[in-house]
Amino acid sequence: MSYLAFARYYDCLTRNVDYAARADYLCAVMERLRHRPGLTLDLACGTGSLMLELAGRGIDVFGLDASPEMLSVAQRKAAAAGRDFLLICQKMQEMDLFGPVDTMLCMLDSINHLTAAADVRRTFRRAALFLNPGGYLLFDANTRYKHRFVLGNRTYVYDMEDVYCVWQNACAEGDGRVAISLDFFERRGSGYVRSFERFYERAYAIRALLNMLRGAGLEPAAVWRDGTFRAPGPQTERILVAARKPG
């Protein structure tokens, strides 16, 4: 998925994401795990906002994303901030790095975008392959509760200066999937040009994610309610999982 129009307006549509707080939380997670981030890969790095925050905290980070459009935005933002990140255009489940890393991060529901369990397993296996012994994979994920009761069958409207966006969710019963449809109406002169994108997210049971990690050779170290160090409950909307490569 290239996310053509989505890449252009992703930052506007995700203004509610506090990347600075996200970076602070991840640093606190690694400190709690007694893990030094070392060379860090931001999987599904999108437009690079999290990388900029991590680099500002002294972390040696680079990014990987399947969308060249997202990476183009990330490159421009990095240049404007005086940064020069290595950016790799690959799918997570097909990542092929130049060498091992100490930490992998996969944030903002990116695991949920893998709607086939086989792709999640492949991603975890590739992560295990390229992590140094003792390295960590940290990822967040929306829960089934969130998909069913929060995202559900809802519609959101974003009326911005240069674009009008209608965001529609359609929740499939039983399999944890949500179909996300985006209608963009981009201002062109006195009129608008419409573009359309559609993709899916799938929520996995926590036990299923942990079993897939173990099957890939990674040891689950912690599962927390995202943004905290508390155990998830039945109405938790997002979790943070830490998994370690033995060694």
Protein backbone atom coordinates (compact mmCIF):
# COMPACT_ATOMS: atom_id res chain seq x y z
CA MET A 1 0.00 0.00 0.00
CA SER A 2 1.51 3.33 -1.10
CA TYR A 3 -0.93 5.68 0.64
CA LEU A 4 -0.74 8.31 -2.09
CA ALA A 5 -3.14 10.97 -0.80
CA PHE A 6 -2.89 9.66 2.77
CA ALA A 7 0.84 10.39 2.81
CA ARG A 8 0.26 14.03 1.83
CA TYR A 9 -2.20 14.61 4.65
CA TYR A 10 -1.10 12.05 7.22
CA ASP A 11 0.41 14.62 9.57
CA CYS A 12 -2.72 16.77 9.44
CA LEU A 13 -4.95 13.78 10.16
CA THR A 14 -2.80 12.66 13.10
CA ARG A 15 -2.33 15.99 14.84
CA ASN A 16 -3.63 14.38 18.02
CA VAL A 17 -0.54 12.14 18.26
CA ASP A 18 1.95 13.51 20.79
CA TYR A 19 5.22 12.22 19.35
CA ALA A 20 7.31 13.85 22.05
CA ALA A 21 5.35 12.01 24.75
CA ARG A 22 5.59 8.84 22.69
CA ALA A 23 9.37 9.11 22.52
CA ASP A 24 9.56 9.82 26.26
CA TYR A 25 7.46 6.74 26.99
CA LEU A 26 9.61 4.50 24.80
CA CYS A 27 12.75 5.78 26.49
CA ALA A 28 11.15 5.02 29.87
CA VAL A 29 10.22 1.52 28.66
CA MET A 30 13.80 0.81 27.63
CA GLU A 31 15.11 2.17 30.91
CA ARG A 32 12.70 -0.09 32.80
CA LEU A 33 13.91 -3.05 30.73
CA ARG A 34 17.53 -1.98 31.43
CA HIS A 35 18.10 -1.87 27.71
CA ARG A 36 20.25 0.66 25.91
CA PRO A 37 18.64 1.43 22.55
CA GLY A 38 21.87 1.41 20.54
CA LEU A 39 21.25 1.27 16.80
CA THR A 40 17.48 1.55 16.45
CA LEU A 41 15.15 0.80 13.55
CA ASP A 42 11.76 2.48 13.34
CA LEU A 43 9.61 -0.04 11.47
CA ALA A 44 6.77 1.49 9.46
CA CYS A 45 8.28 4.89 10.20
CA GLY A 46 5.71 6.78 8.12
CA THR A 47 6.48 10.48 7.80
CA GLY A 48 9.34 10.33 10.30
CA SER A 49 7.89 12.29 13.24
CA LEU A 50 8.89 9.70 15.83
CA MET A 51 12.38 9.37 14.37
CA LEU A 52 12.93 13.10 14.77
CA GLU A 53 11.90 12.93 18.43
CA LEU A 54 14.11 9.90 19.10
CA ALA A 55 17.10 11.47 17.36
CA GLY A 56 16.59 14.56 19.48
CA ARG A 57 17.04 12.32 22.53
CA GLY A 58 20.37 11.05 21.25
CA ILE A 59 19.17 7.75 19.75
CA ASP A 60 20.87 6.50 16.59
CA VAL A 61 17.77 5.75 14.52
CA PHE A 62 16.86 4.95 10.93
CA GLY A 63 13.56 4.11 9.27
CA LEU A 64 11.83 1.53 7.12
CA ASP A 65 8.44 1.85 5.44
CA ALA A 66 6.66 0.22 2.50
CA SER A 67 5.36 3.54 1.17
CA PRO A 68 7.74 5.66 -0.96
CA GLU A 69 5.32 8.57 -0.57
CA MET A 70 5.55 8.40 3.22
CA LEU A 71 9.34 8.19 3.02
CA SER A 72 9.48 11.22 0.72
CA VAL A 73 7.64 13.25 3.34
CA ALA A 74 9.98 11.88 6.04
CA GLN A 75 13.02 12.85 4.00
CA ARG A 76 11.77 16.43 3.54
CA LYS A 77 10.95 16.79 7.23
CA ALA A 78 14.36 15.43 8.24
CA ALA A 79 16.15 17.82 5.89
CA ALA A 80 14.15 20.77 7.27
CA ALA A 81 15.22 19.74 10.77
CA GLY A 82 18.88 19.35 9.79
CA ARG A 83 18.78 15.55 10.05
CA ASP A 84 19.88 12.93 7.53
CA PHE A 85 18.22 9.59 8.24
CA LEU A 86 18.81 6.36 6.39
CA LEU A 87 15.38 5.46 4.96
CA ILE A 88 14.62 2.03 3.51
CA CYS A 89 11.60 1.29 1.31
CA GLN A 90 10.58 -2.26 2.22
CA LYS A 91 7.64 -4.14 3.66
CA MET A 92 8.14 -5.10 7.30
CA GLN A 93 7.62 -8.78 6.57
CA GLU A 94 10.29 -8.64 3.86
CA MET A 95 12.88 -6.46 5.61
CA ASP A 96 16.44 -7.17 4.59
CA LEU A 97 18.87 -4.99 6.52
CA PHE A 98 22.57 -4.30 6.00
CA GLY A 99 23.35 -5.68 9.46
CA PRO A 100 21.95 -6.28 12.93
CA VAL A 101 20.38 -3.65 15.17
CA ASP A 102 19.91 -3.38 18.92
CA THR A 103 16.31 -2.17 18.99
CA MET A 104 13.30 -2.28 16.70
CA LEU A 105 10.26 -0.10 17.25
CA CYS A 106 6.93 -0.56 15.48
CA MET A 107 4.45 2.08 16.61
CA LEU A 108 1.03 3.56 15.94
CA ASP A 109 -0.91 0.41 15.08
CA SER A 110 1.47 -0.66 12.32
CA ILE A 111 1.23 -4.33 13.33
CA ASN A 112 -2.55 -4.01 12.93
CA HIS A 113 -2.02 -3.13 9.27
CA LEU A 114 -0.78 -6.71 8.74
CA THR A 115 -4.16 -8.35 8.30
CA ALA A 116 -2.78 -11.85 7.66
CA ALA A 117 -1.37 -13.68 10.67
CA ALA A 118 1.26 -15.18 8.35
CA ASP A 119 2.62 -11.66 7.69
CA VAL A 120 2.81 -10.93 11.41
CA ARG A 121 4.78 -14.14 11.92
CA ARG A 122 7.09 -13.28 9.02
CA THR A 123 7.68 -9.80 10.48
CA PHE A 124 8.56 -11.25 13.87
CA ARG A 125 10.91 -13.78 12.25
CA ARG A 126 12.67 -11.02 10.30
CA ALA A 127 12.94 -8.97 13.47
CA ALA A 128 14.49 -11.93 15.29
CA LEU A 129 16.94 -12.43 12.44
CA PHE A 130 18.21 -8.84 12.47
CA LEU A 131 18.21 -8.14 16.20
CA ASN A 132 21.45 -8.50 18.09
CA PRO A 133 21.34 -11.02 20.96
CA GLY A 134 19.75 -9.22 23.90
CA GLY A 135 18.04 -6.77 21.56
CA TYR A 136 14.40 -5.78 21.88
CA LEU A 137 11.41 -5.45 19.62
CA LEU A 138 8.85 -2.98 20.99
CA PHE A 139 5.49 -2.62 19.28
CA ASP A 140 2.05 -1.31 20.06
CA ALA A 141 -1.23 -2.71 18.80
CA ASN A 142 -4.90 -1.85 18.91
CA THR A 143 -6.98 -4.42 20.79
CA ARG A 144 -10.10 -6.21 19.70
CA TYR A 145 -12.03 -4.15 22.22
CA LYS A 146 -10.96 -0.94 20.46
CA HIS A 147 -11.80 -2.25 17.02
CA ARG A 148 -15.23 -3.38 18.05
CA PHE A 149 -16.35 -0.69 20.48
CA VAL A 150 -14.25 2.40 19.73
CA LEU A 151 -13.42 2.39 16.01
CA GLY A 152 -16.45 0.28 15.14
CA ASN A 153 -18.71 1.53 12.40
CA ARG A 154 -17.92 5.21 12.75
CA THR A 155 -17.39 8.14 10.41
CA TYR A 156 -15.10 11.12 11.01
CA VAL A 157 -14.91 14.36 9.04
CA TYR A 158 -11.79 16.53 8.80
CA ASP A 159 -12.30 20.00 7.32
CA MET A 160 -8.82 21.42 6.77
CA GLU A 161 -7.49 24.35 4.80
CA ASP A 162 -6.54 22.49 1.63
CA VAL A 163 -8.48 19.25 1.94
CA TYR A 164 -11.79 17.88 3.16
CA CYS A 165 -11.53 14.26 4.33
CA VAL A 166 -14.27 11.78 5.19
CA TRP A 167 -12.88 8.84 7.22
CA GLN A 168 -15.19 5.83 7.45
CA ASN A 169 -14.67 2.66 9.49
CA ALA A 170 -16.54 -0.58 8.87
CA CYS A 171 -16.02 -3.25 11.52
CA ALA A 172 -16.23 -6.90 10.48
CA GLU A 173 -17.76 -9.10 13.13
CA GLY A 174 -15.64 -11.93 14.46
CA ASP A 175 -12.23 -11.54 12.85
CA GLY A 176 -11.16 -8.23 14.44
CA ARG A 177 -10.83 -6.43 11.11
CA VAL A 178 -11.79 -2.85 10.37
CA ALA A 179 -12.06 -1.57 6.80
CA ILE A 180 -10.93 2.06 6.63
CA SER A 181 -12.09 4.19 3.71
CA LEU A 182 -10.73 7.67 3.10
CA ASP A 183 -12.34 10.15 0.72
CA PHE A 184 -10.14 13.19 0.07
CA PHE A 185 -11.51 16.32 -1.59
CA GLU A 186 -8.47 18.42 -2.41
CA ARG A 187 -8.91 22.09 -3.23
CA ARG A 188 -7.83 22.95 -6.78
CA GLY A 189 -8.56 26.56 -7.71
CA SER A 190 -12.28 27.15 -7.28
CA GLY A 191 -13.10 23.43 -7.17
CA TYR A 192 -12.12 20.13 -5.56
CA VAL A 193 -10.51 16.95 -6.86
CA ARG A 194 -11.57 13.70 -5.20
CA SER A 195 -9.23 10.81 -4.38
CA PHE A 196 -10.00 7.62 -2.52
CA GLU A 197 -7.99 5.12 -0.49
CA ARG A 198 -9.02 1.98 1.37
CA PHE A 199 -7.06 -0.28 3.69
CA TYR A 200 -7.65 -2.62 6.60
CA GLU A 201 -6.51 -3.09 10.17
CA ARG A 202 -6.82 -6.30 12.14
CA ALA A 203 -6.70 -6.69 15.90
CA TYR A 204 -5.09 -9.84 17.29
CA ALA A 205 -5.66 -11.43 20.66
CA ILE A 206 -2.78 -10.76 23.05
CA ARG A 207 -2.17 -14.49 23.52
CA ALA A 208 -1.93 -14.94 19.74
CA LEU A 209 0.68 -12.18 19.45
CA LEU A 210 2.77 -13.66 22.25
CA ASN A 211 2.62 -17.13 20.69
CA MET A 212 3.74 -15.71 17.34
CA LEU A 213 6.67 -13.98 19.04
CA ARG A 214 7.74 -17.22 20.71
CA GLY A 215 7.40 -19.06 17.42
CA ALA A 216 9.76 -16.53 15.85
CA GLY A 217 12.37 -17.09 18.55
CA LEU A 218 11.64 -13.96 20.60
CA GLU A 219 10.91 -13.95 24.33
CA PRO A 220 7.95 -11.78 25.43
CA ALA A 221 9.26 -9.64 28.28
CA ALA A 222 6.27 -7.41 29.06
CA VAL A 223 2.77 -6.46 27.96
CA TRP A 224 1.46 -3.15 29.26
CA ARG A 225 -1.50 -0.92 28.73
CA ASP A 226 0.00 1.52 26.25
CA GLY A 227 1.46 4.64 27.84
CA THR A 228 1.68 2.98 31.25
CA PHE A 229 3.38 0.15 33.12
CA ARG A 230 0.07 -1.43 34.12
CA ALA A 231 -1.32 -4.73 32.93
CA PRO A 232 -3.96 -4.48 30.19
CA GLY A 233 -7.59 -5.01 31.13
CA PRO A 234 -10.71 -6.05 29.22
CA GLN A 235 -11.36 -2.47 28.04
CA THR A 236 -7.76 -1.60 27.14
CA GLU A 237 -7.67 0.03 23.71
CA ARG A 238 -3.96 -0.33 22.92
CA ILE A 239 -1.14 -2.43 24.29
CA LEU A 240 2.65 -2.08 24.26
CA VAL A 241 4.59 -5.33 23.88
CA ALA A 242 8.30 -5.80 24.58
CA ALA A 243 10.03 -8.91 23.25
CA ARG A 244 13.69 -9.84 23.64
CA LYS A 245 16.02 -11.86 21.45
CA PRO A 246 17.77 -14.41 23.69
CA GLY A 247 21.49 -14.19 24.15
